Amino acid sequence: MIAYTNGESAGRPWGYWRVLGVQSNAVIKHLEINPHSRLSLQRHAHRAERWIVTGGVATVQRGEEHFELQPGESVLIPRGEWHRLGNAGDSPVSIIEVQMGDLLDETDIERLEDDYCRPGTIARA
């Protein structure tokens, strides 16, 4: 099931996302991460994600790994893997995110840590 629609967007404490395309089992989003911000440490039960950096330098946590991605580089986040995307720099980071799975919507997020203390987070950062 896909709950996103083309052109849908939402602001977040770390920046924003916008849906660029919807297919039968995939959603393509553009994410912009504000300087010195990061998403929650999270995982998804129903989807995998591919992140492609199109601007800036992204910081990535995937399981126990921590690394940076430059423009043109990408990473696959398997379904069920704890992960976090961030921006340690002074300019926005742009990401193309491709979500693939059997349930693609904003309810498929389990947060372990969150800098913004959003409801439902297991622990606070």
C-alpha atoms as a PDB file:
ATOM      1  CA  MET A   1       0.000   0.000   0.000  1.00  0.00           C
ATOM      2  CA  ILE A   2       1.221   3.482  -0.850  1.00  0.00           C
ATOM      3  CA  ALA A   3      -0.214   6.424   1.060  1.00  0.00           C
ATOM      4  CA  TYR A   4       1.836   9.166  -0.646  1.00  0.00           C
ATOM      5  CA  THR A   5       0.687  11.320  -3.569  1.00  0.00           C
ATOM      6  CA  ASN A   6       2.753  13.106  -6.221  1.00  0.00           C
ATOM      7  CA  GLY A   7       3.719  16.582  -5.042  1.00  0.00           C
ATOM      8  CA  GLU A   8       2.905  15.918  -1.399  1.00  0.00           C
ATOM      9  CA  SER A   9       5.346  17.624   0.981  1.00  0.00           C
ATOM     10  CA  ALA A  10       5.918  18.202   4.667  1.00  0.00           C
ATOM     11  CA  GLY A  11       8.176  20.329   6.809  1.00  0.00           C
ATOM     12  CA  ARG A  12      10.134  18.642   9.554  1.00  0.00           C
ATOM     13  CA  PRO A  13      12.351  20.037  12.355  1.00  0.00           C
ATOM     14  CA  TRP A  14      15.394  18.915  10.299  1.00  0.00           C
ATOM     15  CA  GLY A  15      14.212  20.343   6.934  1.00  0.00           C
ATOM     16  CA  TYR A  16      11.534  19.034   4.548  1.00  0.00           C
ATOM     17  CA  TRP A  17      10.581  16.287   2.091  1.00  0.00           C
ATOM     18  CA  ARG A  18       8.600  16.329  -1.178  1.00  0.00           C
ATOM     19  CA  VAL A  19       7.248  13.384  -3.181  1.00  0.00           C
ATOM     20  CA  LEU A  20       8.607  13.431  -6.736  1.00  0.00           C
ATOM     21  CA  GLY A  21       7.021  10.206  -7.981  1.00  0.00           C
ATOM     22  CA  VAL A  22       4.842   7.271  -6.993  1.00  0.00           C
ATOM     23  CA  GLN A  23       4.910   3.777  -8.533  1.00  0.00           C
ATOM     24  CA  SER A  24       3.151   0.540  -7.572  1.00  0.00           C
ATOM     25  CA  ASN A  25       5.844  -0.477  -5.036  1.00  0.00           C
ATOM     26  CA  ALA A  26       8.146   2.569  -4.841  1.00  0.00           C
ATOM     27  CA  VAL A  27       8.088   6.228  -3.846  1.00  0.00           C
ATOM     28  CA  ILE A  28      10.699   8.804  -4.864  1.00  0.00           C
ATOM     29  CA  LYS A  29      11.219  11.755  -2.519  1.00  0.00           C
ATOM     30  CA  HIS A  30      13.487  14.787  -2.371  1.00  0.00           C
ATOM     31  CA  LEU A  31      14.780  15.531   1.151  1.00  0.00           C
ATOM     32  CA  GLU A  32      16.562  18.710   2.174  1.00  0.00           C
ATOM     33  CA  ILE A  33      18.388  18.587   5.498  1.00  0.00           C
ATOM     34  CA  ASN A  34      19.155  21.880   7.196  1.00  0.00           C
ATOM     35  CA  PRO A  35      22.713  22.665   8.297  1.00  0.00           C
ATOM     36  CA  HIS A  36      23.681  21.024  11.619  1.00  0.00           C
ATOM     37  CA  SER A  37      20.499  18.915  11.649  1.00  0.00           C
ATOM     38  CA  ARG A  38      19.699  15.235  11.436  1.00  0.00           C
ATOM     39  CA  LEU A  39      16.788  12.856  11.213  1.00  0.00           C
ATOM     40  CA  SER A  40      15.882  10.518  14.044  1.00  0.00           C
ATOM     41  CA  LEU A  41      17.648   7.190  14.493  1.00  0.00           C
ATOM     42  CA  GLN A  42      14.917   5.021  13.020  1.00  0.00           C
ATOM     43  CA  ARG A  43      13.964   1.830  11.229  1.00  0.00           C
ATOM     44  CA  HIS A  44      11.126   0.643   9.006  1.00  0.00           C
ATOM     45  CA  ALA A  45       9.318  -2.691   9.165  1.00  0.00           C
ATOM     46  CA  HIS A  46       7.927  -2.560   5.622  1.00  0.00           C
ATOM     47  CA  ARG A  47      10.434  -0.764   3.418  1.00  0.00           C
ATOM     48  CA  ALA A  48      14.038  -0.412   2.318  1.00  0.00           C
ATOM     49  CA  GLU A  49      15.465   2.960   1.249  1.00  0.00           C
ATOM     50  CA  ARG A  50      18.133   4.083  -1.210  1.00  0.00           C
ATOM     51  CA  TRP A  51      19.635   7.526  -0.512  1.00  0.00           C
ATOM     52  CA  ILE A  52      21.422   9.385  -3.308  1.00  0.00           C
ATOM     53  CA  VAL A  53      23.229  12.600  -2.380  1.00  0.00           C
ATOM     54  CA  THR A  54      22.671  15.393  -4.914  1.00  0.00           C
ATOM     55  CA  GLY A  55      24.131  18.298  -2.923  1.00  0.00           C
ATOM     56  CA  GLY A  56      26.249  18.800   0.166  1.00  0.00           C
ATOM     57  CA  VAL A  57      27.903  16.115   2.283  1.00  0.00           C
ATOM     58  CA  ALA A  58      25.581  13.755   4.160  1.00  0.00           C
ATOM     59  CA  THR A  59      26.464  11.940   7.363  1.00  0.00           C
ATOM     60  CA  VAL A  60      25.031   8.421   7.558  1.00  0.00           C
ATOM     61  CA  GLN A  61      24.538   5.940  10.339  1.00  0.00           C
ATOM     62  CA  ARG A  62      23.543   2.457   9.149  1.00  0.00           C
ATOM     63  CA  GLY A  63      23.535  -0.059  11.964  1.00  0.00           C
ATOM     64  CA  GLU A  64      26.912   0.367  13.690  1.00  0.00           C
ATOM     65  CA  GLU A  65      28.537   2.033  10.636  1.00  0.00           C
ATOM     66  CA  HIS A  66      29.116   5.801  10.480  1.00  0.00           C
ATOM     67  CA  PHE A  67      30.291   7.427   7.230  1.00  0.00           C
ATOM     68  CA  GLU A  68      29.898  10.383   4.859  1.00  0.00           C
ATOM     69  CA  LEU A  69      28.424  10.469   1.374  1.00  0.00           C
ATOM     70  CA  GLN A  70      29.496  12.994  -1.271  1.00  0.00           C
ATOM     71  CA  PRO A  71      27.328  14.202  -4.189  1.00  0.00           C
ATOM     72  CA  GLY A  72      26.708  11.310  -6.581  1.00  0.00           C
ATOM     73  CA  GLU A  73      27.240   8.636  -3.910  1.00  0.00           C
ATOM     74  CA  SER A  74      24.448   6.460  -2.533  1.00  0.00           C
ATOM     75  CA  VAL A  75      23.659   3.894   0.144  1.00  0.00           C
ATOM     76  CA  LEU A  76      21.027   1.189   0.562  1.00  0.00           C
ATOM     77  CA  ILE A  77      19.254   0.966   3.905  1.00  0.00           C
ATOM     78  CA  PRO A  78      17.770  -2.541   4.255  1.00  0.00           C
ATOM     79  CA  ARG A  79      14.314  -3.057   5.733  1.00  0.00           C
ATOM     80  CA  GLY A  80      14.561  -3.258   9.553  1.00  0.00           C
ATOM     81  CA  GLU A  81      18.046  -1.636   9.794  1.00  0.00           C
ATOM     82  CA  TRP A  82      18.532   1.216  12.291  1.00  0.00           C
ATOM     83  CA  HIS A  83      19.648   4.304  10.356  1.00  0.00           C
ATOM     84  CA  ARG A  84      20.078   8.069  10.521  1.00  0.00           C
ATOM     85  CA  LEU A  85      20.796  10.759   7.948  1.00  0.00           C
ATOM     86  CA  GLY A  86      22.405  14.060   8.919  1.00  0.00           C
ATOM     87  CA  ASN A  87      24.116  17.250   7.869  1.00  0.00           C
ATOM     88  CA  ALA A  88      27.154  18.406   9.866  1.00  0.00           C
ATOM     89  CA  GLY A  89      27.937  21.205   7.389  1.00  0.00           C
ATOM     90  CA  ASP A  90      26.954  24.850   6.960  1.00  0.00           C
ATOM     91  CA  SER A  91      24.915  24.393   3.739  1.00  0.00           C
ATOM     92  CA  PRO A  92      21.779  22.297   3.102  1.00  0.00           C
ATOM     93  CA  VAL A  93      22.145  18.655   2.050  1.00  0.00           C
ATOM     94  CA  SER A  94      19.920  17.404  -0.780  1.00  0.00           C
ATOM     95  CA  ILE A  95      18.961  13.741  -1.014  1.00  0.00           C
ATOM     96  CA  ILE A  96      16.908  11.698  -3.448  1.00  0.00           C
ATOM     97  CA  GLU A  97      15.284   8.908  -1.450  1.00  0.00           C
ATOM     98  CA  VAL A  98      13.762   5.873  -3.119  1.00  0.00           C
ATOM     99  CA  GLN A  99      11.489   3.892  -0.812  1.00  0.00           C
ATOM    100  CA  MET A 100      10.723   0.290  -1.840  1.00  0.00           C
ATOM    101  CA  GLY A 101       8.347  -2.039  -0.045  1.00  0.00           C
ATOM    102  CA  ASP A 102       4.837  -3.256   0.618  1.00  0.00           C
ATOM    103  CA  LEU A 103       3.755  -0.382   2.911  1.00  0.00           C
ATOM    104  CA  LEU A 104       4.982   3.096   2.032  1.00  0.00           C
ATOM    105  CA  ASP A 105       3.699   5.809   4.345  1.00  0.00           C
ATOM    106  CA  GLU A 106       4.745   7.954   7.298  1.00  0.00           C
ATOM    107  CA  THR A 107       3.387   5.488   9.883  1.00  0.00           C
ATOM    108  CA  ASP A 108       6.157   2.959   9.145  1.00  0.00           C
ATOM    109  CA  ILE A 109       8.744   4.664  11.366  1.00  0.00           C
ATOM    110  CA  GLU A 110      10.051   3.374  14.692  1.00  0.00           C
ATOM    111  CA  ARG A 111      12.278   5.977  16.354  1.00  0.00           C
ATOM    112  CA  LEU A 112      15.014   4.898  18.770  1.00  0.00           C
ATOM    113  CA  GLU A 113      16.486   8.414  19.307  1.00  0.00           C
ATOM    114  CA  ASP A 114      15.194  11.827  18.246  1.00  0.00           C
ATOM    115  CA  ASP A 115      16.806  15.241  18.725  1.00  0.00           C
ATOM    116  CA  TYR A 116      13.343  16.862  18.561  1.00  0.00           C
ATOM    117  CA  CYS A 117      11.599  14.711  21.236  1.00  0.00           C
ATOM    118  CA  ARG A 118       8.760  13.674  18.937  1.00  0.00           C
ATOM    119  CA  PRO A 119       6.050  11.439  20.445  1.00  0.00           C
ATOM    120  CA  GLY A 120       6.591   7.694  20.256  1.00  0.00           C
ATOM    121  CA  THR A 121      10.389   7.856  20.434  1.00  0.00           C
ATOM    122  CA  ILE A 122      11.841   5.000  22.469  1.00  0.00           C
ATOM    123  CA  ALA A 123      14.701   7.119  23.908  1.00  0.00           C
ATOM    124  CA  ARG A 124      15.721  10.749  23.708  1.00  0.00           C
ATOM    125  CA  ALA A 125      19.038  11.818  22.162  1.00  0.00           C
END
